[in-house]
Amino acid sequence: MAFTFAAFSYIISLIIDAFLIFFAIFNIIAFDELKTDYKNPIEQCNSLNPLVLPEYGLHLLFNLLFLVSGEWFSLLLNAPLIAYHVHRYMNRPVMSQPGIYDPTSIMNTDVLNKCQREGWIKLAFYLLSFFYYLYAMIYSLITY
């Protein structure tokens, strides 16, 4: 039983993935509040937009650790979401601040449904990857 850089990468990814799960839950709740008119769009976008870049950065951070440690399968599993994050940020509305949510268009039914569905899909992905990282961490600690 040895502590390798791969095991360290999985430990860090478990911790970061827990934060990403909370981000996804916060997004789901926020869009549900918008859908039921509990909050106005400007207030909601001002609370959601500052979380976009930290979410993307945290996701990219542990994938860089996977790249350095040679965990190719874990990196391959995360590659589609990284590509989606890059695509989503590059095609964001023109705004004066960083973020991807525009208060003027967020209340459109299709945009709101898309953002809510995106939150549910990210939550499912982060939950599944959490358990995979837990398994991989235990496996890498036992085998080396």
N, C-alpha and C. Protein backbone atom coordinates (compact mmCIF):
# COMPACT_ATOMS: atom_id res chain seq x y z
N MET A 1 0.85 -1.17 0.00
CA MET A 1 0.00 0.00 0.00
C MET A 1 0.90 1.24 0.00
N ALA A 2 0.80 2.04 -1.05
CA ALA A 2 1.65 3.21 -1.17
C ALA A 2 0.81 4.41 -1.58
N PHE A 3 1.25 5.55 -1.11
CA PHE A 3 0.58 6.79 -1.45
C PHE A 3 1.26 7.37 -2.69
N THR A 4 0.57 7.31 -3.83
CA THR A 4 1.13 7.78 -5.09
C THR A 4 0.49 9.11 -5.47
N PHE A 5 1.03 9.71 -6.52
CA PHE A 5 0.46 10.96 -7.01
C PHE A 5 -0.93 10.73 -7.59
N ALA A 6 -1.19 9.54 -8.12
CA ALA A 6 -2.52 9.22 -8.62
C ALA A 6 -3.53 9.20 -7.47
N ALA A 7 -3.14 8.62 -6.34
CA ALA A 7 -4.02 8.61 -5.17
C ALA A 7 -4.27 10.03 -4.67
N PHE A 8 -3.21 10.84 -4.67
CA PHE A 8 -3.36 12.25 -4.28
C PHE A 8 -4.32 12.97 -5.23
N SER A 9 -4.20 12.69 -6.52
CA SER A 9 -5.10 13.31 -7.51
C SER A 9 -6.54 12.93 -7.24
N TYR A 10 -6.78 11.69 -6.90
CA TYR A 10 -8.15 11.25 -6.63
C TYR A 10 -8.68 11.83 -5.32
N ILE A 11 -7.83 12.00 -4.33
CA ILE A 11 -8.27 12.61 -3.08
C ILE A 11 -8.67 14.07 -3.33
N ILE A 12 -7.85 14.79 -4.06
CA ILE A 12 -8.18 16.19 -4.39
C ILE A 12 -9.44 16.25 -5.24
N SER A 13 -9.58 15.33 -6.18
CA SER A 13 -10.77 15.34 -7.04
C SER A 13 -12.03 15.02 -6.24
N LEU A 14 -11.93 14.18 -5.22
CA LEU A 14 -13.09 13.90 -4.35
C LEU A 14 -13.53 15.16 -3.61
N ILE A 15 -12.57 15.88 -3.07
CA ILE A 15 -12.89 17.11 -2.33
C ILE A 15 -13.49 18.15 -3.26
N ILE A 16 -12.86 18.36 -4.40
CA ILE A 16 -13.35 19.35 -5.36
C ILE A 16 -14.71 18.94 -5.92
N ASP A 17 -14.89 17.66 -6.18
CA ASP A 17 -16.15 17.17 -6.72
C ASP A 17 -17.30 17.40 -5.73
N ALA A 18 -17.01 17.33 -4.44
CA ALA A 18 -18.04 17.64 -3.45
C ALA A 18 -18.49 19.10 -3.58
N PHE A 19 -17.54 20.00 -3.79
CA PHE A 19 -17.90 21.40 -4.02
C PHE A 19 -18.70 21.57 -5.31
N LEU A 20 -18.32 20.85 -6.35
CA LEU A 20 -19.04 20.95 -7.61
C LEU A 20 -20.46 20.41 -7.49
N ILE A 21 -20.66 19.41 -6.66
CA ILE A 21 -22.01 18.91 -6.40
C ILE A 21 -22.85 20.00 -5.74
N PHE A 22 -22.27 20.71 -4.79
CA PHE A 22 -23.00 21.80 -4.16
C PHE A 22 -23.29 22.93 -5.14
N PHE A 23 -22.35 23.22 -6.04
CA PHE A 23 -22.60 24.23 -7.08
C PHE A 23 -23.78 23.81 -7.96
N ALA A 24 -23.82 22.54 -8.35
CA ALA A 24 -24.90 22.05 -9.20
C ALA A 24 -26.24 22.11 -8.48
N ILE A 25 -26.25 21.75 -7.20
CA ILE A 25 -27.49 21.84 -6.43
C ILE A 25 -27.95 23.29 -6.30
N PHE A 26 -26.99 24.20 -6.08
CA PHE A 26 -27.33 25.62 -5.99
C PHE A 26 -27.93 26.12 -7.30
N ASN A 27 -27.36 25.68 -8.44
CA ASN A 27 -27.91 26.08 -9.74
C ASN A 27 -29.33 25.56 -9.93
N ILE A 28 -29.57 24.32 -9.56
CA ILE A 28 -30.90 23.74 -9.71
C ILE A 28 -31.92 24.50 -8.87
N ILE A 29 -31.55 24.80 -7.63
CA ILE A 29 -32.46 25.55 -6.76
C ILE A 29 -32.69 26.96 -7.29
N ALA A 30 -31.62 27.59 -7.79
CA ALA A 30 -31.75 28.95 -8.30
C ALA A 30 -32.68 29.01 -9.51
N PHE A 31 -32.55 28.06 -10.41
CA PHE A 31 -33.43 28.08 -11.59
C PHE A 31 -34.85 27.68 -11.24
N ASP A 32 -35.01 26.88 -10.22
CA ASP A 32 -36.37 26.57 -9.76
C ASP A 32 -37.01 27.82 -9.14
N GLU A 33 -36.22 28.61 -8.41
CA GLU A 33 -36.74 29.87 -7.88
C GLU A 33 -37.12 30.83 -8.98
N LEU A 34 -36.34 30.86 -10.05
CA LEU A 34 -36.70 31.71 -11.19
C LEU A 34 -37.99 31.23 -11.85
N LYS A 35 -38.11 29.93 -11.97
CA LYS A 35 -39.29 29.35 -12.63
C LYS A 35 -40.57 29.65 -11.85
N THR A 36 -40.47 29.68 -10.53
CA THR A 36 -41.65 29.91 -9.70
C THR A 36 -41.77 31.38 -9.27
N ASP A 37 -40.97 32.25 -9.82
CA ASP A 37 -41.00 33.70 -9.57
C ASP A 37 -40.75 34.09 -8.12
N TYR A 38 -39.87 33.37 -7.44
CA TYR A 38 -39.49 33.77 -6.08
C TYR A 38 -38.40 34.83 -6.10
N LYS A 39 -37.62 34.88 -7.15
CA LYS A 39 -36.55 35.87 -7.28
C LYS A 39 -36.62 36.52 -8.64
N ASN A 40 -36.09 37.73 -8.73
CA ASN A 40 -36.05 38.37 -10.04
C ASN A 40 -34.79 37.95 -10.79
N PRO A 41 -34.80 38.03 -12.11
CA PRO A 41 -33.67 37.52 -12.91
C PRO A 41 -32.35 38.25 -12.68
N ILE A 42 -32.40 39.55 -12.44
CA ILE A 42 -31.16 40.30 -12.25
C ILE A 42 -30.46 39.85 -10.97
N GLU A 43 -31.23 39.72 -9.90
CA GLU A 43 -30.68 39.27 -8.63
C GLU A 43 -30.12 37.85 -8.74
N GLN A 44 -30.85 37.01 -9.43
CA GLN A 44 -30.43 35.62 -9.57
C GLN A 44 -29.15 35.50 -10.41
N CYS A 45 -29.08 36.23 -11.51
CA CYS A 45 -27.89 36.18 -12.35
C CYS A 45 -26.68 36.78 -11.63
N ASN A 46 -26.92 37.79 -10.78
CA ASN A 46 -25.82 38.35 -10.01
C ASN A 46 -25.29 37.37 -8.97
N SER A 47 -26.12 36.42 -8.55
CA SER A 47 -25.63 35.42 -7.61
C SER A 47 -25.06 34.19 -8.32
N LEU A 48 -25.50 33.91 -9.54
CA LEU A 48 -25.02 32.73 -10.27
C LEU A 48 -23.74 33.00 -11.07
N ASN A 49 -23.63 34.16 -11.69
CA ASN A 49 -22.49 34.43 -12.57
C ASN A 49 -21.13 34.39 -11.87
N PRO A 50 -21.01 34.85 -10.61
CA PRO A 50 -19.68 34.73 -9.97
C PRO A 50 -19.25 33.29 -9.70
N LEU A 51 -20.16 32.33 -9.77
CA LEU A 51 -19.81 30.94 -9.51
C LEU A 51 -19.39 30.17 -10.76
N VAL A 52 -19.57 30.76 -11.93
CA VAL A 52 -19.30 30.05 -13.18
C VAL A 52 -17.81 29.78 -13.35
N LEU A 53 -16.99 30.81 -13.26
CA LEU A 53 -15.54 30.62 -13.45
C LEU A 53 -14.91 29.76 -12.36
N PRO A 54 -15.29 29.90 -11.07
CA PRO A 54 -14.74 28.95 -10.09
C PRO A 54 -15.13 27.50 -10.37
N GLU A 55 -16.37 27.28 -10.83
CA GLU A 55 -16.77 25.91 -11.17
C GLU A 55 -15.92 25.36 -12.30
N TYR A 56 -15.75 26.14 -13.35
CA TYR A 56 -14.94 25.69 -14.48
C TYR A 56 -13.49 25.50 -14.07
N GLY A 57 -12.97 26.42 -13.25
CA GLY A 57 -11.58 26.32 -12.82
C GLY A 57 -11.32 25.12 -11.94
N LEU A 58 -12.24 24.83 -11.02
CA LEU A 58 -12.08 23.66 -10.16
C LEU A 58 -12.13 22.36 -10.97
N HIS A 59 -13.04 22.33 -11.93
CA HIS A 59 -13.15 21.13 -12.77
C HIS A 59 -11.88 20.95 -13.59
N LEU A 60 -11.34 22.03 -14.08
CA LEU A 60 -10.11 21.95 -14.87
C LEU A 60 -8.91 21.60 -14.00
N LEU A 61 -8.91 22.05 -12.74
CA LEU A 61 -7.79 21.79 -11.84
C LEU A 61 -7.57 20.31 -11.60
N PHE A 62 -8.61 19.59 -11.23
CA PHE A 62 -8.35 18.18 -10.95
C PHE A 62 -8.16 17.38 -12.22
N ASN A 63 -8.62 17.89 -13.36
CA ASN A 63 -8.31 17.21 -14.61
C ASN A 63 -6.85 17.43 -15.01
N LEU A 64 -6.29 18.57 -14.65
CA LEU A 64 -4.85 18.76 -14.86
C LEU A 64 -4.05 17.81 -13.97
N LEU A 65 -4.54 17.57 -12.76
CA LEU A 65 -3.88 16.58 -11.90
C LEU A 65 -3.96 15.19 -12.51
N PHE A 66 -5.10 14.86 -13.12
CA PHE A 66 -5.21 13.56 -13.80
C PHE A 66 -4.24 13.48 -14.97
N LEU A 67 -4.07 14.59 -15.68
CA LEU A 67 -3.15 14.62 -16.81
C LEU A 67 -1.71 14.39 -16.34
N VAL A 68 -1.32 15.06 -15.27
CA VAL A 68 0.04 14.93 -14.77
C VAL A 68 0.29 13.53 -14.20
N SER A 69 -0.73 12.96 -13.53
CA SER A 69 -0.54 11.64 -12.92
C SER A 69 -0.74 10.50 -13.90
N GLY A 70 -1.16 10.80 -15.11
CA GLY A 70 -1.32 9.76 -16.12
C GLY A 70 -2.60 8.95 -15.98
N GLU A 71 -3.60 9.51 -15.38
CA GLU A 71 -4.90 8.85 -15.24
C GLU A 71 -5.73 9.18 -16.47
N TRP A 72 -5.46 8.47 -17.54
CA TRP A 72 -6.04 8.79 -18.84
C TRP A 72 -7.54 8.50 -18.92
N PHE A 73 -7.97 7.43 -18.28
CA PHE A 73 -9.39 7.09 -18.32
C PHE A 73 -10.23 8.15 -17.60
N SER A 74 -9.76 8.62 -16.46
CA SER A 74 -10.47 9.67 -15.72
C SER A 74 -10.50 10.96 -16.52
N LEU A 75 -9.39 11.26 -17.16
CA LEU A 75 -9.33 12.46 -18.00
C LEU A 75 -10.26 12.33 -19.20
N LEU A 76 -10.32 11.15 -19.77
CA LEU A 76 -11.20 10.91 -20.91
C LEU A 76 -12.67 11.02 -20.52
N LEU A 77 -13.01 10.58 -19.31
CA LEU A 77 -14.39 10.69 -18.84
C LEU A 77 -14.81 12.15 -18.67
N ASN A 78 -13.87 13.00 -18.29
CA ASN A 78 -14.17 14.41 -18.05
C ASN A 78 -14.02 15.29 -19.28
N ALA A 79 -13.42 14.78 -20.33
CA ALA A 79 -13.16 15.59 -21.53
C ALA A 79 -14.44 16.16 -22.16
N PRO A 80 -15.54 15.41 -22.26
CA PRO A 80 -16.74 16.02 -22.86
C PRO A 80 -17.28 17.19 -22.05
N LEU A 81 -17.24 17.10 -20.73
CA LEU A 81 -17.74 18.22 -19.91
C LEU A 81 -16.81 19.42 -20.00
N ILE A 82 -15.51 19.18 -20.08
CA ILE A 82 -14.57 20.29 -20.26
C ILE A 82 -14.83 20.98 -21.60
N ALA A 83 -15.03 20.18 -22.64
CA ALA A 83 -15.32 20.75 -23.95
C ALA A 83 -16.63 21.54 -23.92
N TYR A 84 -17.62 21.02 -23.22
CA TYR A 84 -18.90 21.74 -23.11
C TYR A 84 -18.73 23.05 -22.36
N HIS A 85 -17.93 23.03 -21.28
CA HIS A 85 -17.70 24.27 -20.53
C HIS A 85 -17.00 25.32 -21.40
N VAL A 86 -16.03 24.89 -22.15
CA VAL A 86 -15.32 25.83 -23.03
C VAL A 86 -16.27 26.37 -24.10
N HIS A 87 -17.05 25.49 -24.71
CA HIS A 87 -18.02 25.91 -25.73
C HIS A 87 -19.06 26.87 -25.14
N ARG A 88 -19.56 26.54 -23.97
CA ARG A 88 -20.59 27.37 -23.33
C ARG A 88 -20.04 28.75 -22.98
N TYR A 89 -18.81 28.81 -22.50
CA TYR A 89 -18.25 30.10 -22.13
C TYR A 89 -17.86 30.92 -23.36
N MET A 90 -17.41 30.27 -24.41
CA MET A 90 -17.04 31.00 -25.63
C MET A 90 -18.27 31.56 -26.34
N ASN A 91 -19.41 30.93 -26.19
CA ASN A 91 -20.65 31.37 -26.85
C ASN A 91 -21.61 32.05 -25.88
N ARG A 92 -21.08 32.66 -24.85
CA ARG A 92 -21.93 33.32 -23.86
C ARG A 92 -22.42 34.66 -24.40
N PRO A 93 -23.49 35.20 -23.80
CA PRO A 93 -23.95 36.52 -24.23
C PRO A 93 -22.91 37.60 -23.89
N VAL A 94 -22.96 38.68 -24.61
CA VAL A 94 -22.03 39.78 -24.37
C VAL A 94 -22.46 40.49 -23.09
N MET A 95 -21.57 40.46 -22.09
CA MET A 95 -21.86 41.10 -20.81
C MET A 95 -20.62 41.83 -20.32
N SER A 96 -20.80 42.72 -19.36
CA SER A 96 -19.67 43.48 -18.84
C SER A 96 -18.92 42.72 -17.75
N GLN A 97 -19.49 41.65 -17.23
CA GLN A 97 -18.86 40.87 -16.17
C GLN A 97 -18.73 39.42 -16.60
N PRO A 98 -17.83 38.66 -15.96
CA PRO A 98 -17.73 37.25 -16.32
C PRO A 98 -18.98 36.48 -15.89
N GLY A 99 -19.31 35.48 -16.64
CA GLY A 99 -20.48 34.67 -16.36
C GLY A 99 -21.16 34.26 -17.65
N ILE A 100 -22.16 33.40 -17.55
CA ILE A 100 -22.84 32.92 -18.75
C ILE A 100 -24.33 33.18 -18.74
N TYR A 101 -24.84 33.74 -17.65
CA TYR A 101 -26.28 33.95 -17.54
C TYR A 101 -26.62 35.42 -17.73
N ASP A 102 -27.48 35.68 -18.71
CA ASP A 102 -27.90 37.03 -19.05
C ASP A 102 -29.29 37.27 -18.46
N PRO A 103 -29.45 38.30 -17.63
CA PRO A 103 -30.75 38.54 -17.00
C PRO A 103 -31.88 38.86 -17.98
N THR A 104 -31.53 39.38 -19.15
CA THR A 104 -32.59 39.73 -20.09
C THR A 104 -33.16 38.53 -20.82
N SER A 105 -32.38 37.46 -20.96
CA SER A 105 -32.88 36.30 -21.70
C SER A 105 -33.11 35.07 -20.83
N ILE A 106 -32.78 35.15 -19.55
CA ILE A 106 -32.86 33.96 -18.69
C ILE A 106 -34.31 33.55 -18.43
N MET A 107 -35.24 34.48 -18.55
CA MET A 107 -36.64 34.16 -18.26
C MET A 107 -37.37 33.56 -19.46
N ASN A 108 -36.72 33.48 -20.62
CA ASN A 108 -37.33 32.77 -21.75
C ASN A 108 -37.51 31.31 -21.35
N THR A 109 -38.63 30.74 -21.69
CA THR A 109 -38.96 29.39 -21.25
C THR A 109 -37.94 28.36 -21.71
N ASP A 110 -37.53 28.43 -22.97
CA ASP A 110 -36.57 27.44 -23.46
C ASP A 110 -35.20 27.63 -22.83
N VAL A 111 -34.76 28.88 -22.60
CA VAL A 111 -33.46 29.12 -21.97
C VAL A 111 -33.49 28.65 -20.51
N LEU A 112 -34.58 28.94 -19.83
CA LEU A 112 -34.72 28.53 -18.43
C LEU A 112 -34.76 27.00 -18.31
N ASN A 113 -35.50 26.35 -19.19
CA ASN A 113 -35.54 24.89 -19.17
C ASN A 113 -34.18 24.28 -19.51
N LYS A 114 -33.47 24.90 -20.46
CA LYS A 114 -32.14 24.41 -20.83
C LYS A 114 -31.17 24.53 -19.66
N CYS A 115 -31.21 25.66 -18.97
CA CYS A 115 -30.31 25.87 -17.83
C CYS A 115 -30.64 24.92 -16.68
N GLN A 116 -31.93 24.67 -16.47
CA GLN A 116 -32.32 23.75 -15.41
C GLN A 116 -31.93 22.31 -15.75
N ARG A 117 -32.13 21.93 -17.00
CA ARG A 117 -31.72 20.59 -17.44
C ARG A 117 -30.20 20.43 -17.36
N GLU A 118 -29.47 21.49 -17.71
CA GLU A 118 -28.01 21.47 -17.61
C GLU A 118 -27.58 21.25 -16.16
N GLY A 119 -28.26 21.88 -15.22
CA GLY A 119 -27.95 21.70 -13.81
C GLY A 119 -28.18 20.27 -13.34
N TRP A 120 -29.29 19.66 -13.78
CA TRP A 120 -29.58 18.28 -13.41
C TRP A 120 -28.56 17.31 -14.00
N ILE A 121 -28.18 17.55 -15.25
CA ILE A 121 -27.20 16.68 -15.91
C ILE A 121 -25.83 16.80 -15.23
N LYS A 122 -25.43 18.04 -14.90
CA LYS A 122 -24.16 18.22 -14.20
C LYS A 122 -24.19 17.57 -12.82
N LEU A 123 -25.32 17.67 -12.12
CA LEU A 123 -25.43 17.03 -10.82
C LEU A 123 -25.27 15.52 -10.95
N ALA A 124 -25.93 14.93 -11.93
CA ALA A 124 -25.81 13.48 -12.14
C ALA A 124 -24.37 13.11 -12.49
N PHE A 125 -23.73 13.90 -13.35
CA PHE A 125 -22.34 13.62 -13.73
C PHE A 125 -21.41 13.72 -12.53
N TYR A 126 -21.56 14.79 -11.74
CA TYR A 126 -20.68 14.97 -10.59
C TYR A 126 -20.91 13.89 -9.53
N LEU A 127 -22.15 13.45 -9.36
CA LEU A 127 -22.42 12.38 -8.39
C LEU A 127 -21.81 11.05 -8.85
N LEU A 128 -22.00 10.72 -10.11
CA LEU A 128 -21.41 9.48 -10.62
C LEU A 128 -19.89 9.52 -10.58
N SER A 129 -19.33 10.67 -10.96
CA SER A 129 -17.87 10.77 -10.94
C SER A 129 -17.34 10.76 -9.51
N PHE A 130 -18.10 11.26 -8.53
CA PHE A 130 -17.67 11.19 -7.14
C PHE A 130 -17.44 9.75 -6.70
N PHE A 131 -18.39 8.89 -7.03
CA PHE A 131 -18.24 7.49 -6.63
C PHE A 131 -17.15 6.79 -7.43
N TYR A 132 -16.97 7.19 -8.69
CA TYR A 132 -15.86 6.62 -9.46
C TYR A 132 -14.52 7.05 -8.87
N TYR A 133 -14.39 8.33 -8.49
CA TYR A 133 -13.13 8.81 -7.90
C TYR A 133 -12.86 8.12 -6.57
N LEU A 134 -13.91 7.87 -5.81
CA LEU A 134 -13.75 7.15 -4.55
C LEU A 134 -13.22 5.74 -4.80
N TYR A 135 -13.82 5.06 -5.77
CA TYR A 135 -13.36 3.72 -6.13
C TYR A 135 -11.92 3.76 -6.64
N ALA A 136 -11.61 4.69 -7.52
CA ALA A 136 -10.27 4.78 -8.10
C ALA A 136 -9.22 5.14 -7.06
N MET A 137 -9.61 5.99 -6.09
CA MET A 137 -8.67 6.32 -5.03
C MET A 137 -8.33 5.10 -4.19
N ILE A 138 -9.35 4.35 -3.81
CA ILE A 138 -9.13 3.14 -3.03
C ILE A 138 -8.31 2.12 -3.83
N TYR A 139 -8.64 1.97 -5.10
CA TYR A 139 -7.92 1.05 -5.96
C TYR A 139 -6.44 1.45 -6.10
N SER A 140 -6.19 2.75 -6.29
CA SER A 140 -4.79 3.18 -6.44
C SER A 140 -4.01 3.09 -5.13
N LEU A 141 -4.69 3.22 -4.00
CA LEU A 141 -4.00 3.07 -2.72
C LEU A 141 -3.67 1.60 -2.43
N ILE A 142 -4.53 0.71 -2.87
CA ILE A 142 -4.33 -0.71 -2.56
C ILE A 142 -3.34 -1.37 -3.51
N THR A 143 -3.39 -1.04 -4.78
CA THR A 143 -2.60 -1.79 -5.77
C THR A 143 -1.13 -1.41 -5.82
N TYR A 144 -0.77 -0.21 -5.47
CA TYR A 144 0.65 0.19 -5.62
C TYR A 144 1.42 -0.03 -4.38
